[in-house]
């Protein structure tokens, strides 16, 4: 009896065992993000990420390259001027190594086409986001990484339960997951005002978010296993995988509801390529709207009116006080939090509840 009880206990515990921590990288396309990149990079280094691949839009007009210089010197960041120009070393590498993106190839990027006013019905700068993701996967494989997160510079992913992304993703490997994601908690301005270049650290000053049942109702799946993802068919938040008959876009679906267990048509496939852990295990804080003025700058730069932060939108995105990220923030960024008289160094005040458990 004791033998069988021990065996059952071992099987039940197996998914939570991991023989080693995973080697994890992040990839992002950045345009005029210099004011926020240091905090973003330091945050991911604090989460156990080994390498960051930054694709700096050559239309940037701020100090992004100056901010990146020490990170490049320390070998934590590989930075690329993007998109590639015809006959450049970068474009030649992409073609020679087969790192082209079939969905959005080089020929659709800014320096290869004459008119970039519209793409997919929206104003576009033809920055080649998909192609950057393909190149990043190729580089990350050469660097011997296990997973990468194909994310944006306003996304802060962390694991409340396991404390680091490599530990969480090691457990997901044991589960045979190849694509992992979560729905976003979207934060408002937190009462912060000013232009982008003058804003304080977002992680310790933006502590009020939207009610998750009223805002974003779909999941992003940026964390991909490099031995399984289809390099030539990656996108931004959903991807194809080798030897799988489903992809994350199909599994997510336009009506994916993060508050209920997903009812996938291809359940056995989607459970592996579109794995959604508990939000206690994996969490995304999305700081898209840092202040009203900063949002106006972003809207003007990108030509997207939805980037603006109106008073009504800010109120909607500030209904819930949520400081769950604070234990995961590097100490150097906690001063603004302490100056506001908040408890920034101990357990968060917010009682964490999984986003799919109900209206929180």
Protein backbone atom coordinates (compact mmCIF):
# COMPACT_ATOMS: atom_id res chain seq x y z
CA UNK A 1 0.00 0.00 0.00
CA UNK A 2 2.79 2.40 0.92
CA UNK A 3 4.53 1.57 -2.38
CA UNK A 4 1.50 2.47 -4.47
CA UNK A 5 0.86 5.62 -2.45
CA UNK A 6 4.46 6.71 -3.02
CA UNK A 7 4.18 5.97 -6.75
CA UNK A 8 0.96 7.96 -7.08
CA UNK A 9 2.52 10.87 -5.18
CA UNK A 10 5.58 10.80 -7.46
CA UNK A 11 3.47 10.85 -10.62
CA UNK A 12 1.35 13.71 -9.29
CA UNK A 13 4.44 15.72 -8.45
CA UNK A 14 6.30 14.97 -11.71
CA UNK A 15 5.13 18.04 -13.68
CA UNK A 16 6.63 20.28 -11.01
CA UNK A 17 10.06 18.73 -11.20
CA UNK A 18 12.75 20.17 -13.44
CA UNK A 19 16.23 18.75 -13.86
CA UNK A 20 17.78 22.12 -14.72
CA UNK A 21 16.91 25.73 -15.24
CA UNK A 22 16.23 26.74 -18.82
CA UNK A 23 18.41 29.21 -20.73
CA UNK A 24 16.04 32.03 -21.63
CA UNK A 25 16.27 35.07 -23.90
CA UNK A 26 13.98 37.94 -24.89
CA UNK A 27 13.53 39.61 -28.27
CA UNK A 28 11.96 43.02 -28.90
CA UNK A 29 11.60 45.68 -31.56
CA UNK A 30 12.09 49.18 -30.13
CA UNK A 31 11.37 52.60 -31.52
CA UNK A 32 12.03 55.67 -29.35
CA UNK A 33 11.96 53.54 -26.18
CA UNK A 34 15.21 54.88 -24.73
CA UNK A 35 13.53 56.33 -21.65
CA UNK A 36 12.29 52.90 -20.56
CA UNK A 37 14.78 50.35 -21.90
CA UNK A 38 17.17 50.34 -18.93
CA UNK A 39 14.37 49.45 -16.52
CA UNK A 40 13.04 46.81 -18.93
CA UNK A 41 16.45 45.19 -19.45
CA UNK A 42 17.34 45.27 -15.75
CA UNK A 43 13.99 43.72 -14.91
CA UNK A 44 14.55 40.75 -17.23
CA UNK A 45 18.13 40.26 -16.04
CA UNK A 46 16.62 40.15 -12.53
CA UNK A 47 14.19 37.42 -13.73
CA UNK A 48 17.08 35.21 -14.85
CA UNK A 49 17.06 36.03 -18.57
CA UNK A 50 20.50 35.40 -20.10
CA UNK A 51 20.31 37.42 -23.31
CA UNK A 52 18.27 40.19 -24.85
CA UNK A 53 18.07 40.80 -28.61
CA UNK A 54 17.05 44.37 -29.40
CA UNK A 55 16.01 45.46 -32.89
CA UNK A 56 16.24 49.25 -32.87
CA UNK A 57 14.03 50.88 -35.47
CA UNK A 58 16.25 53.15 -37.57
CA UNK A 59 13.50 55.78 -37.47
CA UNK A 60 14.18 56.28 -33.74
CA UNK A 61 15.11 59.81 -32.78
CA UNK A 62 15.89 59.43 -29.08
CA UNK A 63 18.91 58.17 -27.11
CA UNK A 64 18.17 54.44 -27.45
CA UNK A 65 21.68 53.58 -28.68
CA UNK A 66 23.33 55.46 -25.83
CA UNK A 67 21.16 53.61 -23.31
CA UNK A 68 22.05 50.26 -24.86
CA UNK A 69 25.82 50.85 -25.00
CA UNK A 70 26.71 49.44 -21.54
CA UNK A 71 24.39 46.46 -21.99
CA UNK A 72 25.99 45.65 -25.33
CA UNK A 73 29.45 45.99 -23.79
CA UNK A 74 28.49 43.53 -21.03
CA UNK A 75 27.29 41.02 -23.68
CA UNK A 76 23.79 40.95 -22.17
CA UNK A 77 22.33 42.66 -25.25
CA UNK A 78 22.81 42.07 -28.96
CA UNK A 79 21.46 45.15 -30.73
CA UNK A 80 20.67 45.54 -34.43
CA UNK A 81 19.73 48.57 -36.50
CA UNK A 82 16.44 47.56 -38.04
CA UNK A 83 15.01 46.92 -40.60
CA UNK A 84 17.91 45.73 -42.77
CA UNK A 85 18.90 47.61 -45.88
CA UNK A 86 19.30 45.81 -49.23
CA UNK A 87 22.71 44.14 -49.61
CA UNK A 88 23.59 44.84 -45.97
CA UNK A 89 25.42 42.23 -43.89
CA UNK A 90 22.24 41.68 -41.86
CA UNK A 91 20.07 41.11 -44.93
CA UNK A 92 22.71 38.80 -46.40
CA UNK A 93 22.84 36.79 -43.15
CA UNK A 94 19.06 36.37 -43.09
CA UNK A 95 18.97 34.99 -46.64
CA UNK A 96 22.12 32.88 -46.37
CA UNK A 97 21.04 31.19 -43.15
CA UNK A 98 17.42 30.66 -44.17
CA UNK A 99 16.07 32.98 -41.48
CA UNK A 100 13.49 34.63 -43.72
CA UNK A 101 9.95 35.04 -42.47
CA UNK A 102 7.38 33.57 -44.85
CA UNK A 103 4.51 35.72 -43.57
CA UNK A 104 6.29 39.08 -43.57
CA UNK A 105 9.55 38.68 -45.53
CA UNK A 106 12.33 41.18 -46.10
CA UNK A 107 10.75 42.42 -49.30
CA UNK A 108 7.87 43.85 -47.24
CA UNK A 109 10.09 45.85 -44.90
CA UNK A 110 10.71 49.59 -45.15
CA UNK A 111 13.91 49.66 -47.20
CA UNK A 112 12.63 47.17 -49.77
CA UNK A 113 9.28 48.79 -50.60
CA UNK A 114 8.31 52.29 -51.73
CA UNK A 115 5.00 52.73 -49.95
CA UNK A 116 4.54 51.79 -46.29
CA UNK A 117 1.46 53.82 -45.52
CA UNK A 118 -0.79 50.82 -44.96
CA UNK A 119 -0.27 47.25 -43.87
CA UNK A 120 -3.13 44.98 -42.81
CA UNK A 121 -5.46 47.97 -43.05
CA UNK A 122 -3.56 50.06 -40.47
CA UNK A 123 -0.91 52.76 -40.74
CA UNK A 124 2.47 51.05 -40.76
CA UNK A 125 6.15 51.85 -40.79
CA UNK A 126 6.99 48.47 -42.40
CA UNK A 127 9.39 47.82 -39.54
CA UNK A 128 9.54 44.08 -40.13
CA UNK A 129 8.44 42.87 -36.70
CA UNK A 130 7.86 39.29 -37.88
CA UNK A 131 11.19 39.20 -39.69
CA UNK A 132 12.95 40.44 -36.55
CA UNK A 133 11.39 37.56 -34.63
CA UNK A 134 12.70 35.03 -37.15
CA UNK A 135 16.19 36.52 -37.02
CA UNK A 136 16.10 36.50 -33.23
CA UNK A 137 15.19 32.81 -33.11
CA UNK A 138 18.08 32.02 -35.43
CA UNK A 139 20.54 33.96 -33.27
CA UNK A 140 19.17 32.51 -30.02
CA UNK A 141 19.58 28.98 -31.36
CA UNK A 142 23.18 29.72 -32.27
CA UNK A 143 23.71 31.07 -28.74
CA UNK A 144 22.46 27.82 -27.23
CA UNK A 145 19.31 29.15 -25.58
CA UNK A 146 16.27 26.99 -24.83
CA UNK A 147 13.41 29.52 -24.92
CA UNK A 148 12.84 33.08 -26.08
CA UNK A 149 10.08 35.53 -25.37
CA UNK A 150 9.01 37.49 -28.46
CA UNK A 151 7.71 40.49 -26.57
CA UNK A 152 7.38 44.29 -26.56
CA UNK A 153 9.31 46.85 -24.46
CA UNK A 154 6.17 47.67 -22.45
CA UNK A 155 5.60 44.05 -21.37
CA UNK A 156 6.91 42.83 -18.01
CA UNK A 157 6.56 39.05 -17.57
CA UNK A 158 7.33 37.37 -14.26
CA UNK A 159 6.50 34.31 -12.17
CA UNK A 160 5.00 35.11 -8.74
CA UNK A 161 5.17 31.49 -7.62
CA UNK A 162 8.55 30.36 -8.95
CA UNK A 163 10.44 33.63 -8.77
CA UNK A 164 12.22 33.37 -12.13
CA UNK A 165 11.32 32.72 -15.74
CA UNK A 166 13.97 29.97 -16.23
CA UNK A 167 12.48 28.02 -13.32
CA UNK A 168 8.93 28.37 -14.63
CA UNK A 169 9.92 27.38 -18.19
CA UNK A 170 11.86 24.38 -16.90
CA UNK A 171 8.59 23.15 -15.43
CA UNK A 172 6.79 23.86 -18.70
CA UNK A 173 9.36 21.72 -20.52
CA UNK A 174 8.54 18.84 -18.17
CA UNK A 175 4.91 19.38 -19.15
CA UNK A 176 5.97 19.12 -22.84
CA UNK A 177 4.81 22.68 -23.52
CA UNK A 178 6.35 24.41 -26.54
CA UNK A 179 4.38 27.68 -26.49
CA UNK A 180 3.43 29.46 -23.27
CA UNK A 181 1.49 32.65 -22.61
CA UNK A 182 -1.02 34.51 -20.51
CA UNK A 183 -3.55 37.31 -20.78
CA UNK A 184 -2.36 40.77 -19.80
CA UNK A 185 -3.06 42.94 -16.82
CA UNK A 186 -3.18 46.41 -18.39
CA UNK A 187 -2.09 49.31 -16.20
CA UNK A 188 -3.15 52.93 -16.35
CA UNK A 189 -1.01 55.98 -15.66
CA UNK A 190 -1.09 55.57 -11.88
CA UNK A 191 -1.49 59.34 -11.63
CA UNK A 192 1.91 59.85 -13.24
CA UNK A 193 2.16 62.87 -15.52
CA UNK A 194 4.71 64.12 -18.02
CA UNK A 195 6.32 63.36 -21.33
CA UNK A 196 7.94 59.99 -22.01
CA UNK A 197 11.51 61.13 -21.40
CA UNK A 198 10.68 62.55 -17.95
CA UNK A 199 8.74 59.63 -16.43
CA UNK A 200 9.87 57.66 -13.35
CA UNK A 201 10.23 53.83 -13.37
CA UNK A 202 6.91 52.29 -14.36
CA UNK A 203 7.08 49.12 -12.27
CA UNK A 204 7.08 50.96 -8.93
CA UNK A 205 4.88 53.95 -9.75
CA UNK A 206 2.13 52.43 -11.91
CA UNK A 207 0.33 50.26 -9.38
CA UNK A 208 -3.30 50.48 -10.50
CA UNK A 209 -4.64 48.40 -13.35
CA UNK A 210 -7.87 47.71 -15.12
CA UNK A 211 -10.42 45.19 -13.97
CA UNK A 212 -9.32 42.18 -16.00
CA UNK A 213 -12.89 41.25 -16.90
CA UNK A 214 -13.43 44.58 -18.67
CA UNK A 215 -10.27 45.01 -20.69
CA UNK A 216 -8.07 42.59 -22.59
CA UNK A 217 -9.90 39.30 -23.22
CA UNK A 218 -7.29 37.38 -25.21
CA UNK A 219 -3.95 35.79 -24.43
CA UNK A 220 -0.50 36.38 -25.87
CA UNK A 221 1.83 33.42 -26.38
CA UNK A 222 5.32 34.88 -26.78
CA UNK A 223 7.34 32.22 -24.93
CA UNK A 224 8.45 29.64 -27.46
CA UNK A 225 10.73 26.63 -27.18
CA UNK A 226 13.52 26.96 -29.69
CA UNK A 227 13.68 23.27 -30.54
CA UNK A 228 10.02 23.32 -31.62
CA UNK A 229 9.05 26.73 -32.99
CA UNK A 230 8.85 27.17 -36.79
CA UNK A 231 11.50 29.86 -37.39
CA UNK A 232 10.02 30.94 -40.73
CA UNK A 233 6.46 31.26 -39.45
CA UNK A 234 6.62 33.30 -36.25
CA UNK A 235 4.55 36.41 -35.75
CA UNK A 236 4.39 38.70 -32.72
CA UNK A 237 2.09 37.01 -30.21
CA UNK A 238 1.23 33.75 -31.97
CA UNK A 239 3.32 31.26 -33.89
CA UNK A 240 3.57 28.00 -35.82
CA UNK A 241 5.54 25.04 -34.53
CA UNK A 242 7.36 22.20 -36.26
CA UNK A 243 5.45 18.90 -36.38
CA UNK A 244 2.25 20.36 -34.87
CA UNK A 245 -1.07 20.58 -36.68
CA UNK A 246 -2.24 23.66 -34.79
CA UNK A 247 -0.75 27.08 -34.12
CA UNK A 248 -1.29 29.55 -31.33
CA UNK A 249 -3.40 31.93 -33.41
CA UNK A 250 -5.88 29.15 -34.11
CA UNK A 251 -5.80 27.99 -30.51
CA UNK A 252 -6.23 31.45 -29.06
CA UNK A 253 -9.06 32.35 -31.36
CA UNK A 254 -10.75 35.72 -31.61
CA UNK A 255 -13.08 34.90 -28.69
CA UNK A 256 -10.64 33.30 -26.29
CA UNK A 257 -11.88 33.90 -22.75
CA UNK A 258 -9.10 33.80 -20.13
CA UNK A 259 -11.66 33.45 -17.33
CA UNK A 260 -12.72 29.95 -18.34
CA UNK A 261 -10.82 26.80 -19.34
CA UNK A 262 -10.21 26.98 -23.11
CA UNK A 263 -12.36 24.74 -25.27
CA UNK A 264 -9.92 24.06 -28.11
CA UNK A 265 -10.93 22.05 -31.16
CA UNK A 266 -7.54 20.35 -31.13
CA UNK A 267 -7.19 20.12 -27.37
CA UNK A 268 -4.18 17.80 -27.26
CA UNK A 269 -2.30 20.05 -29.70
CA UNK A 270 -3.36 23.40 -28.30
CA UNK A 271 -2.59 22.41 -24.75
CA UNK A 272 1.06 22.23 -25.84
CA UNK A 273 1.46 25.19 -28.20
CA UNK A 274 -0.88 27.57 -26.35
CA UNK A 275 -0.30 26.63 -22.74
CA UNK A 276 -1.84 29.10 -20.28
CA UNK A 277 -0.51 28.48 -16.76
CA UNK A 278 -2.18 29.87 -13.71
CA UNK A 279 -1.53 33.59 -13.43
CA UNK A 280 0.08 32.74 -10.11
CA UNK A 281 2.73 30.94 -12.16
CA UNK A 282 3.08 33.35 -15.09
CA UNK A 283 1.98 36.93 -15.20
CA UNK A 284 2.11 39.81 -17.68
CA UNK A 285 1.97 43.45 -16.56
CA UNK A 286 1.38 45.58 -19.63
CA UNK A 287 2.39 49.25 -19.27
CA UNK A 288 1.09 50.47 -22.61
CA UNK A 289 -0.24 53.73 -21.16
CA UNK A 290 2.46 55.38 -19.04
CA UNK A 291 0.96 58.89 -18.97
CA UNK A 292 -1.46 60.93 -21.03
CA UNK A 293 1.33 63.00 -22.63
CA UNK A 294 3.53 59.98 -23.29
CA UNK A 295 0.59 58.18 -24.91
CA UNK A 296 0.00 61.16 -27.21
CA UNK A 297 3.65 61.01 -28.26
CA UNK A 298 3.30 57.30 -29.02
CA UNK A 299 0.06 57.81 -30.96
CA UNK A 300 1.66 60.52 -33.10
CA UNK A 301 4.72 58.36 -33.70
CA UNK A 302 2.82 55.21 -34.63
CA UNK A 303 -0.23 56.75 -36.27
CA UNK A 304 -2.50 54.66 -34.02
CA UNK A 305 -5.26 56.57 -32.26
CA UNK A 306 -5.78 53.64 -29.86
CA UNK A 307 -2.43 54.51 -28.29
CA UNK A 308 -3.93 57.65 -26.75
CA UNK A 309 -4.90 57.63 -23.07
CA UNK A 310 -8.12 59.53 -22.52
CA UNK A 311 -9.37 60.34 -18.99
CA UNK A 312 -12.14 57.77 -19.38
CA UNK A 313 -9.70 55.08 -20.49
CA UNK A 314 -7.31 55.93 -17.67
CA UNK A 315 -10.12 55.58 -15.14
CA UNK A 316 -11.04 52.18 -16.59
CA UNK A 317 -7.41 51.08 -16.35
CA UNK A 318 -7.00 52.22 -12.75
CA UNK A 319 -9.77 50.38 -10.91
CA UNK A 320 -7.67 47.77 -9.09
CA UNK A 321 -4.65 48.46 -6.87
CA UNK A 322 -2.18 45.69 -7.72
CA UNK A 323 1.43 45.75 -6.52
CA UNK A 324 2.16 42.06 -7.14
CA UNK A 325 5.21 42.94 -9.24
CA UNK A 326 7.11 44.72 -6.45
CA UNK A 327 9.01 41.68 -5.06
CA UNK A 328 10.32 41.04 -8.58
CA UNK A 329 11.63 44.56 -9.28
CA UNK A 330 15.39 45.21 -9.01
CA UNK A 331 16.14 47.20 -5.82
CA UNK A 332 17.52 50.22 -7.70
CA UNK A 333 14.02 50.99 -9.04
CA UNK A 334 12.21 50.97 -5.70
CA UNK A 335 13.13 54.48 -4.52
CA UNK A 336 10.12 56.18 -6.19
CA UNK A 337 7.88 53.61 -4.53
CA UNK A 338 9.32 54.30 -1.08
CA UNK A 339 9.02 58.06 -1.63
CA UNK A 340 5.28 57.55 -2.00
CA UNK A 341 5.13 55.83 1.39
CA UNK A 342 4.30 52.39 -0.03
CA UNK A 343 5.50 49.02 1.26
CA UNK A 344 7.89 48.25 -1.56
CA UNK A 345 10.22 45.61 -0.11
CA UNK A 346 8.04 43.03 1.64
CA UNK A 347 5.10 40.95 0.52
CA UNK A 348 2.73 42.76 -1.86
CA UNK A 349 -0.44 44.21 -0.40
CA UNK A 350 -2.47 42.84 -3.29
CA UNK A 351 -3.92 39.40 -2.54
CA UNK A 352 -3.16 37.48 -5.70
CA UNK A 353 -6.07 35.74 -7.38
CA UNK A 354 -5.80 33.86 -10.64
CA UNK A 355 -7.32 35.91 -13.44
CA UNK A 356 -9.42 32.97 -14.62
CA UNK A 357 -11.01 32.45 -11.20
CA UNK A 358 -13.50 35.24 -11.69
CA UNK A 359 -14.07 38.99 -11.90
CA UNK A 360 -10.95 40.54 -10.34
